[in-house]
Amino acid sequence: MDIISRTTDMYFTWAGCLSPVYVHGLLRTLFLFALPTVIVTALFARGNRSVFLQVLGCVIGVLLAMTVPVGLLDVQHRIVRGWLVALTMVLLAFLPAILAFLLVPNLGAQRKVRVGLYLLLGILLIAVLTQEGSGT
């Protein structure tokens, strides 16, 4: 077995052993950033450049993200769970920057919002990782 196969096998084994609490926390964090980004992108694509409506769309997206029943999702297969965790982490790396770009028209303010969103993401990820795993 070569090094790439062993590395991916170890990653998928690690992801398969993750507690569902951590996977649900990662998905909830993803939805918290993804839904506002999708709504704001849709408003932006329709030609609406109003900052008020962009922020309103972001707030609606956050409220919708809090209502998604992530706890009902039960992924048992280690490869599917591995891909889900990897995709979630990649999206979380870029979504705060995209959301800041869409929300704020000025570059200086975009940078401040982007830093704030990345700080929020860091706090949420620390909160997810420090949760006690219930069940498995």
N, C-alpha and C. Protein backbone atom coordinates (compact mmCIF):
# COMPACT_ATOMS: atom_id res chain seq x y z
N MET A 1 0.86 -1.18 0.00
CA MET A 1 0.00 0.00 0.00
C MET A 1 0.90 1.24 0.00
N ASP A 2 0.62 2.17 -0.88
CA ASP A 2 1.45 3.36 -0.98
C ASP A 2 1.05 4.40 0.06
N ILE A 3 1.80 5.47 0.13
CA ILE A 3 1.61 6.50 1.15
C ILE A 3 0.28 7.23 0.99
N ILE A 4 -0.16 7.46 -0.24
CA ILE A 4 -1.43 8.17 -0.46
C ILE A 4 -2.60 7.31 -0.01
N SER A 5 -2.56 6.04 -0.33
CA SER A 5 -3.64 5.14 0.10
C SER A 5 -3.69 5.03 1.61
N ARG A 6 -2.53 4.92 2.25
CA ARG A 6 -2.51 4.83 3.72
C ARG A 6 -3.01 6.12 4.36
N THR A 7 -2.62 7.25 3.79
CA THR A 7 -3.05 8.53 4.36
C THR A 7 -4.55 8.72 4.23
N THR A 8 -5.10 8.44 3.05
CA THR A 8 -6.55 8.59 2.88
C THR A 8 -7.31 7.58 3.73
N ASP A 9 -6.77 6.38 3.86
CA ASP A 9 -7.42 5.38 4.71
C ASP A 9 -7.43 5.83 6.17
N MET A 10 -6.31 6.40 6.63
CA MET A 10 -6.26 6.90 8.00
C MET A 10 -7.24 8.07 8.19
N TYR A 11 -7.33 8.95 7.18
CA TYR A 11 -8.26 10.08 7.28
C TYR A 11 -9.70 9.59 7.35
N PHE A 12 -10.07 8.67 6.46
CA PHE A 12 -11.45 8.18 6.46
C PHE A 12 -11.76 7.39 7.73
N THR A 13 -10.78 6.70 8.28
CA THR A 13 -10.99 6.01 9.55
C THR A 13 -11.21 7.02 10.66
N TRP A 14 -10.40 8.09 10.67
CA TRP A 14 -10.57 9.14 11.67
C TRP A 14 -11.94 9.78 11.54
N ALA A 15 -12.34 10.13 10.31
CA ALA A 15 -13.64 10.77 10.10
C ALA A 15 -14.78 9.83 10.46
N GLY A 16 -14.62 8.53 10.21
CA GLY A 16 -15.65 7.57 10.55
C GLY A 16 -15.82 7.41 12.04
N CYS A 17 -14.77 7.70 12.81
CA CYS A 17 -14.84 7.56 14.27
C CYS A 17 -15.29 8.84 14.97
N LEU A 18 -15.48 9.91 14.22
CA LEU A 18 -15.94 11.16 14.83
C LEU A 18 -17.32 10.97 15.43
N SER A 19 -17.53 11.59 16.55
CA SER A 19 -18.84 11.55 17.19
C SER A 19 -19.86 12.31 16.34
N PRO A 20 -21.09 11.84 16.28
CA PRO A 20 -22.12 12.58 15.53
C PRO A 20 -22.31 14.01 16.04
N VAL A 21 -22.00 14.25 17.31
CA VAL A 21 -22.13 15.60 17.87
C VAL A 21 -21.19 16.56 17.13
N TYR A 22 -19.96 16.11 16.85
CA TYR A 22 -19.01 16.96 16.15
C TYR A 22 -19.42 17.17 14.69
N VAL A 23 -19.89 16.12 14.04
CA VAL A 23 -20.32 16.24 12.64
C VAL A 23 -21.53 17.18 12.55
N HIS A 24 -22.47 17.05 13.47
CA HIS A 24 -23.64 17.93 13.47
C HIS A 24 -23.22 19.37 13.76
N GLY A 25 -22.26 19.57 14.65
CA GLY A 25 -21.77 20.92 14.93
C GLY A 25 -21.10 21.55 13.72
N LEU A 26 -20.29 20.76 13.00
CA LEU A 26 -19.66 21.27 11.79
C LEU A 26 -20.70 21.63 10.74
N LEU A 27 -21.70 20.77 10.58
CA LEU A 27 -22.75 21.04 9.59
C LEU A 27 -23.58 22.26 9.98
N ARG A 28 -23.86 22.40 11.27
CA ARG A 28 -24.63 23.56 11.72
C ARG A 28 -23.83 24.85 11.46
N THR A 29 -22.51 24.80 11.70
CA THR A 29 -21.66 25.95 11.41
C THR A 29 -21.64 26.24 9.92
N LEU A 30 -21.58 25.18 9.10
CA LEU A 30 -21.61 25.37 7.66
C LEU A 30 -22.90 26.04 7.22
N PHE A 31 -24.03 25.56 7.72
CA PHE A 31 -25.31 26.17 7.36
C PHE A 31 -25.39 27.61 7.84
N LEU A 32 -24.76 27.92 8.98
CA LEU A 32 -24.79 29.27 9.51
C LEU A 32 -24.09 30.26 8.57
N PHE A 33 -23.10 29.78 7.83
CA PHE A 33 -22.41 30.66 6.87
C PHE A 33 -22.94 30.47 5.44
N ALA A 34 -23.38 29.27 5.09
CA ALA A 34 -23.76 28.99 3.70
C ALA A 34 -25.12 29.59 3.33
N LEU A 35 -26.11 29.44 4.19
CA LEU A 35 -27.44 29.96 3.84
C LEU A 35 -27.46 31.48 3.68
N PRO A 36 -26.84 32.25 4.58
CA PRO A 36 -26.79 33.70 4.32
C PRO A 36 -26.03 34.03 3.04
N THR A 37 -24.96 33.29 2.75
CA THR A 37 -24.20 33.55 1.53
C THR A 37 -25.04 33.27 0.30
N VAL A 38 -25.81 32.20 0.31
CA VAL A 38 -26.66 31.87 -0.84
C VAL A 38 -27.75 32.93 -1.03
N ILE A 39 -28.37 33.35 0.06
CA ILE A 39 -29.44 34.35 -0.05
C ILE A 39 -28.88 35.69 -0.52
N VAL A 40 -27.76 36.11 0.05
CA VAL A 40 -27.16 37.38 -0.34
C VAL A 40 -26.66 37.31 -1.78
N THR A 41 -26.13 36.18 -2.19
CA THR A 41 -25.70 36.01 -3.59
C THR A 41 -26.88 36.11 -4.54
N ALA A 42 -28.01 35.52 -4.16
CA ALA A 42 -29.20 35.60 -5.00
C ALA A 42 -29.68 37.05 -5.12
N LEU A 43 -29.67 37.78 -4.02
CA LEU A 43 -30.06 39.19 -4.07
C LEU A 43 -29.08 40.00 -4.92
N PHE A 44 -27.80 39.70 -4.77
CA PHE A 44 -26.76 40.42 -5.52
C PHE A 44 -26.88 40.12 -7.02
N ALA A 45 -27.17 38.87 -7.36
CA ALA A 45 -27.27 38.49 -8.77
C ALA A 45 -28.49 39.11 -9.45
N ARG A 46 -29.51 39.42 -8.68
CA ARG A 46 -30.70 40.05 -9.26
C ARG A 46 -30.50 41.54 -9.49
N GLY A 47 -29.30 42.03 -9.19
CA GLY A 47 -29.01 43.44 -9.43
C GLY A 47 -29.29 44.34 -8.25
N ASN A 48 -29.62 43.77 -7.12
CA ASN A 48 -29.91 44.57 -5.95
C ASN A 48 -28.62 44.85 -5.19
N ARG A 49 -28.20 46.10 -5.14
CA ARG A 49 -26.95 46.47 -4.46
C ARG A 49 -27.20 47.19 -3.15
N SER A 50 -28.41 47.18 -2.67
CA SER A 50 -28.75 47.86 -1.42
C SER A 50 -28.13 47.11 -0.24
N VAL A 51 -27.33 47.83 0.54
CA VAL A 51 -26.68 47.22 1.70
C VAL A 51 -27.73 46.77 2.72
N PHE A 52 -28.79 47.56 2.87
CA PHE A 52 -29.85 47.21 3.81
C PHE A 52 -30.47 45.86 3.45
N LEU A 53 -30.79 45.67 2.16
CA LEU A 53 -31.40 44.40 1.76
C LEU A 53 -30.40 43.25 1.84
N GLN A 54 -29.13 43.52 1.60
CA GLN A 54 -28.12 42.48 1.73
C GLN A 54 -28.02 42.02 3.19
N VAL A 55 -28.01 42.99 4.11
CA VAL A 55 -27.94 42.64 5.53
C VAL A 55 -29.22 41.94 5.97
N LEU A 56 -30.36 42.40 5.48
CA LEU A 56 -31.62 41.74 5.79
C LEU A 56 -31.62 40.30 5.28
N GLY A 57 -31.11 40.08 4.07
CA GLY A 57 -30.98 38.72 3.54
C GLY A 57 -30.06 37.87 4.37
N CYS A 58 -28.99 38.47 4.88
CA CYS A 58 -28.05 37.75 5.75
C CYS A 58 -28.73 37.34 7.06
N VAL A 59 -29.49 38.24 7.64
CA VAL A 59 -30.20 37.93 8.88
C VAL A 59 -31.23 36.82 8.65
N ILE A 60 -31.95 36.90 7.54
CA ILE A 60 -32.92 35.85 7.21
C ILE A 60 -32.20 34.51 7.02
N GLY A 61 -31.04 34.53 6.37
CA GLY A 61 -30.26 33.31 6.19
C GLY A 61 -29.80 32.72 7.51
N VAL A 62 -29.37 33.57 8.45
CA VAL A 62 -28.95 33.08 9.76
C VAL A 62 -30.13 32.46 10.50
N LEU A 63 -31.28 33.13 10.44
CA LEU A 63 -32.47 32.58 11.11
C LEU A 63 -32.90 31.25 10.48
N LEU A 64 -32.81 31.16 9.16
CA LEU A 64 -33.13 29.89 8.50
C LEU A 64 -32.13 28.80 8.87
N ALA A 65 -30.87 29.17 8.99
CA ALA A 65 -29.84 28.19 9.33
C ALA A 65 -30.06 27.61 10.72
N MET A 66 -30.61 28.42 11.62
CA MET A 66 -30.86 27.91 12.97
C MET A 66 -32.05 26.96 13.02
N THR A 67 -32.87 26.95 11.98
CA THR A 67 -34.04 26.06 11.98
C THR A 67 -33.80 24.75 11.24
N VAL A 68 -32.65 24.60 10.58
CA VAL A 68 -32.36 23.37 9.84
C VAL A 68 -32.13 22.24 10.85
N PRO A 69 -32.87 21.13 10.73
CA PRO A 69 -32.72 20.03 11.69
C PRO A 69 -31.51 19.14 11.36
N VAL A 70 -30.32 19.63 11.66
CA VAL A 70 -29.09 18.91 11.35
C VAL A 70 -28.99 17.63 12.19
N GLY A 71 -29.57 17.63 13.36
CA GLY A 71 -29.50 16.47 14.24
C GLY A 71 -30.16 15.22 13.68
N LEU A 72 -31.03 15.38 12.70
CA LEU A 72 -31.68 14.22 12.09
C LEU A 72 -30.80 13.50 11.09
N LEU A 73 -29.72 14.17 10.65
CA LEU A 73 -28.81 13.57 9.69
C LEU A 73 -27.91 12.58 10.40
N ASP A 74 -27.92 11.33 9.94
CA ASP A 74 -27.10 10.30 10.56
C ASP A 74 -26.27 9.62 9.47
N VAL A 75 -25.01 10.03 9.36
CA VAL A 75 -24.12 9.47 8.36
C VAL A 75 -23.25 8.42 9.05
N GLN A 76 -23.43 7.17 8.68
CA GLN A 76 -22.69 6.09 9.32
C GLN A 76 -21.47 5.67 8.53
N HIS A 77 -21.53 5.76 7.21
CA HIS A 77 -20.43 5.26 6.38
C HIS A 77 -19.23 6.19 6.51
N ARG A 78 -18.06 5.62 6.73
CA ARG A 78 -16.87 6.43 7.03
C ARG A 78 -16.40 7.26 5.84
N ILE A 79 -16.57 6.75 4.64
CA ILE A 79 -16.12 7.50 3.47
C ILE A 79 -17.03 8.69 3.20
N VAL A 80 -18.33 8.50 3.34
CA VAL A 80 -19.28 9.61 3.16
C VAL A 80 -19.04 10.66 4.24
N ARG A 81 -18.83 10.20 5.46
CA ARG A 81 -18.57 11.14 6.55
C ARG A 81 -17.26 11.89 6.33
N GLY A 82 -16.26 11.20 5.81
CA GLY A 82 -14.98 11.84 5.51
C GLY A 82 -15.11 12.92 4.46
N TRP A 83 -15.83 12.61 3.39
CA TRP A 83 -16.05 13.62 2.34
C TRP A 83 -16.88 14.78 2.86
N LEU A 84 -17.86 14.48 3.70
CA LEU A 84 -18.71 15.53 4.26
C LEU A 84 -17.88 16.48 5.14
N VAL A 85 -17.01 15.92 5.97
CA VAL A 85 -16.16 16.76 6.83
C VAL A 85 -15.18 17.56 5.98
N ALA A 86 -14.58 16.95 4.97
CA ALA A 86 -13.62 17.65 4.11
C ALA A 86 -14.30 18.79 3.35
N LEU A 87 -15.46 18.52 2.77
CA LEU A 87 -16.18 19.55 2.03
C LEU A 87 -16.62 20.69 2.95
N THR A 88 -17.06 20.34 4.14
CA THR A 88 -17.47 21.35 5.11
C THR A 88 -16.29 22.25 5.48
N MET A 89 -15.14 21.67 5.73
CA MET A 89 -13.97 22.48 6.11
C MET A 89 -13.50 23.38 4.96
N VAL A 90 -13.54 22.87 3.73
CA VAL A 90 -13.13 23.69 2.59
C VAL A 90 -14.10 24.85 2.40
N LEU A 91 -15.39 24.57 2.49
CA LEU A 91 -16.38 25.65 2.34
C LEU A 91 -16.27 26.68 3.46
N LEU A 92 -16.02 26.20 4.69
CA LEU A 92 -15.89 27.14 5.80
C LEU A 92 -14.63 28.00 5.68
N ALA A 93 -13.66 27.53 4.93
CA ALA A 93 -12.45 28.34 4.73
C ALA A 93 -12.73 29.55 3.84
N PHE A 94 -13.70 29.45 2.94
CA PHE A 94 -13.94 30.52 1.96
C PHE A 94 -15.23 31.30 2.18
N LEU A 95 -16.23 30.72 2.80
CA LEU A 95 -17.53 31.40 2.91
C LEU A 95 -17.49 32.73 3.67
N PRO A 96 -16.73 32.89 4.76
CA PRO A 96 -16.71 34.20 5.41
C PRO A 96 -16.18 35.31 4.50
N ALA A 97 -15.19 35.02 3.69
CA ALA A 97 -14.65 36.04 2.78
C ALA A 97 -15.66 36.39 1.70
N ILE A 98 -16.37 35.39 1.19
CA ILE A 98 -17.38 35.65 0.16
C ILE A 98 -18.53 36.46 0.75
N LEU A 99 -18.95 36.10 1.95
CA LEU A 99 -20.06 36.81 2.59
C LEU A 99 -19.68 38.27 2.87
N ALA A 100 -18.46 38.50 3.32
CA ALA A 100 -18.02 39.89 3.57
C ALA A 100 -17.98 40.68 2.27
N PHE A 101 -17.55 40.06 1.19
CA PHE A 101 -17.51 40.74 -0.11
C PHE A 101 -18.91 41.15 -0.55
N LEU A 102 -19.89 40.28 -0.33
CA LEU A 102 -21.25 40.56 -0.77
C LEU A 102 -21.99 41.54 0.13
N LEU A 103 -21.64 41.57 1.41
CA LEU A 103 -22.37 42.43 2.34
C LEU A 103 -21.92 43.88 2.32
N VAL A 104 -20.63 44.11 2.18
CA VAL A 104 -20.09 45.46 2.36
C VAL A 104 -19.45 45.94 1.07
N PRO A 105 -19.81 47.14 0.59
CA PRO A 105 -19.26 47.61 -0.69
C PRO A 105 -17.85 48.19 -0.59
N ASN A 106 -17.42 48.68 0.58
CA ASN A 106 -16.12 49.34 0.71
C ASN A 106 -15.05 48.33 1.11
N LEU A 107 -13.85 48.47 0.53
CA LEU A 107 -12.77 47.51 0.79
C LEU A 107 -12.32 47.51 2.25
N GLY A 108 -12.17 48.68 2.85
CA GLY A 108 -11.73 48.74 4.25
C GLY A 108 -12.74 48.10 5.19
N ALA A 109 -13.99 48.39 4.95
CA ALA A 109 -15.04 47.78 5.77
C ALA A 109 -15.17 46.29 5.49
N GLN A 110 -14.94 45.89 4.24
CA GLN A 110 -14.98 44.45 3.91
C GLN A 110 -13.94 43.69 4.71
N ARG A 111 -12.76 44.28 4.83
CA ARG A 111 -11.69 43.61 5.57
C ARG A 111 -12.08 43.45 7.04
N LYS A 112 -12.67 44.48 7.63
CA LYS A 112 -13.09 44.40 9.03
C LYS A 112 -14.18 43.35 9.22
N VAL A 113 -15.14 43.33 8.31
CA VAL A 113 -16.22 42.34 8.40
C VAL A 113 -15.66 40.94 8.19
N ARG A 114 -14.73 40.79 7.25
CA ARG A 114 -14.12 39.49 6.99
C ARG A 114 -13.37 38.98 8.22
N VAL A 115 -12.60 39.86 8.86
CA VAL A 115 -11.88 39.46 10.08
C VAL A 115 -12.86 39.07 11.17
N GLY A 116 -13.93 39.85 11.30
CA GLY A 116 -14.95 39.51 12.30
C GLY A 116 -15.62 38.18 12.02
N LEU A 117 -15.91 37.90 10.76
CA LEU A 117 -16.54 36.63 10.41
C LEU A 117 -15.60 35.45 10.65
N TYR A 118 -14.31 35.64 10.34
CA TYR A 118 -13.36 34.57 10.62
C TYR A 118 -13.16 34.36 12.12
N LEU A 119 -13.22 35.43 12.91
CA LEU A 119 -13.17 35.27 14.36
C LEU A 119 -14.39 34.52 14.87
N LEU A 120 -15.57 34.87 14.33
CA LEU A 120 -16.79 34.15 14.69
C LEU A 120 -16.68 32.68 14.31
N LEU A 121 -16.14 32.40 13.13
CA LEU A 121 -15.95 31.01 12.70
C LEU A 121 -15.01 30.28 13.65
N GLY A 122 -13.92 30.92 14.03
CA GLY A 122 -12.99 30.29 14.97
C GLY A 122 -13.64 29.99 16.30
N ILE A 123 -14.42 30.93 16.81
CA ILE A 123 -15.11 30.71 18.09
C ILE A 123 -16.11 29.56 17.97
N LEU A 124 -16.84 29.52 16.86
CA LEU A 124 -17.81 28.44 16.66
C LEU A 124 -17.12 27.09 16.54
N LEU A 125 -16.00 27.03 15.84
CA LEU A 125 -15.28 25.76 15.70
C LEU A 125 -14.70 25.31 17.04
N ILE A 126 -14.20 26.25 17.84
CA ILE A 126 -13.71 25.88 19.17
C ILE A 126 -14.86 25.37 20.02
N ALA A 127 -16.02 26.00 19.92
CA ALA A 127 -17.19 25.55 20.67
C ALA A 127 -17.61 24.15 20.23
N VAL A 128 -17.54 23.88 18.92
CA VAL A 128 -17.91 22.55 18.42
C VAL A 128 -16.92 21.50 18.92
N LEU A 129 -15.65 21.83 18.88
CA LEU A 129 -14.63 20.84 19.26
C LEU A 129 -14.55 20.61 20.76
N THR A 130 -15.03 21.55 21.56
CA THR A 130 -14.99 21.36 23.01
C THR A 130 -16.29 20.78 23.55
N GLN A 131 -17.24 20.49 22.66
CA GLN A 131 -18.48 19.84 23.11
C GLN A 131 -18.17 18.44 23.59
N GLU A 132 -18.92 18.00 24.54
CA GLU A 132 -18.77 16.61 24.96
C GLU A 132 -19.57 15.73 24.03
N GLY A 133 -18.94 14.69 23.52
CA GLY A 133 -19.63 13.77 22.61
C GLY A 133 -20.62 12.92 23.36
N SER A 134 -21.87 13.06 23.00
CA SER A 134 -22.89 12.22 23.64
C SER A 134 -23.19 11.03 22.73
N GLY A 135 -23.45 9.93 23.32
CA GLY A 135 -23.76 8.73 22.52
C GLY A 135 -22.51 7.95 22.22
N THR A 136 -22.07 7.98 20.95
CA THR A 136 -20.93 7.15 20.55
C THR A 136 -19.61 7.76 20.94
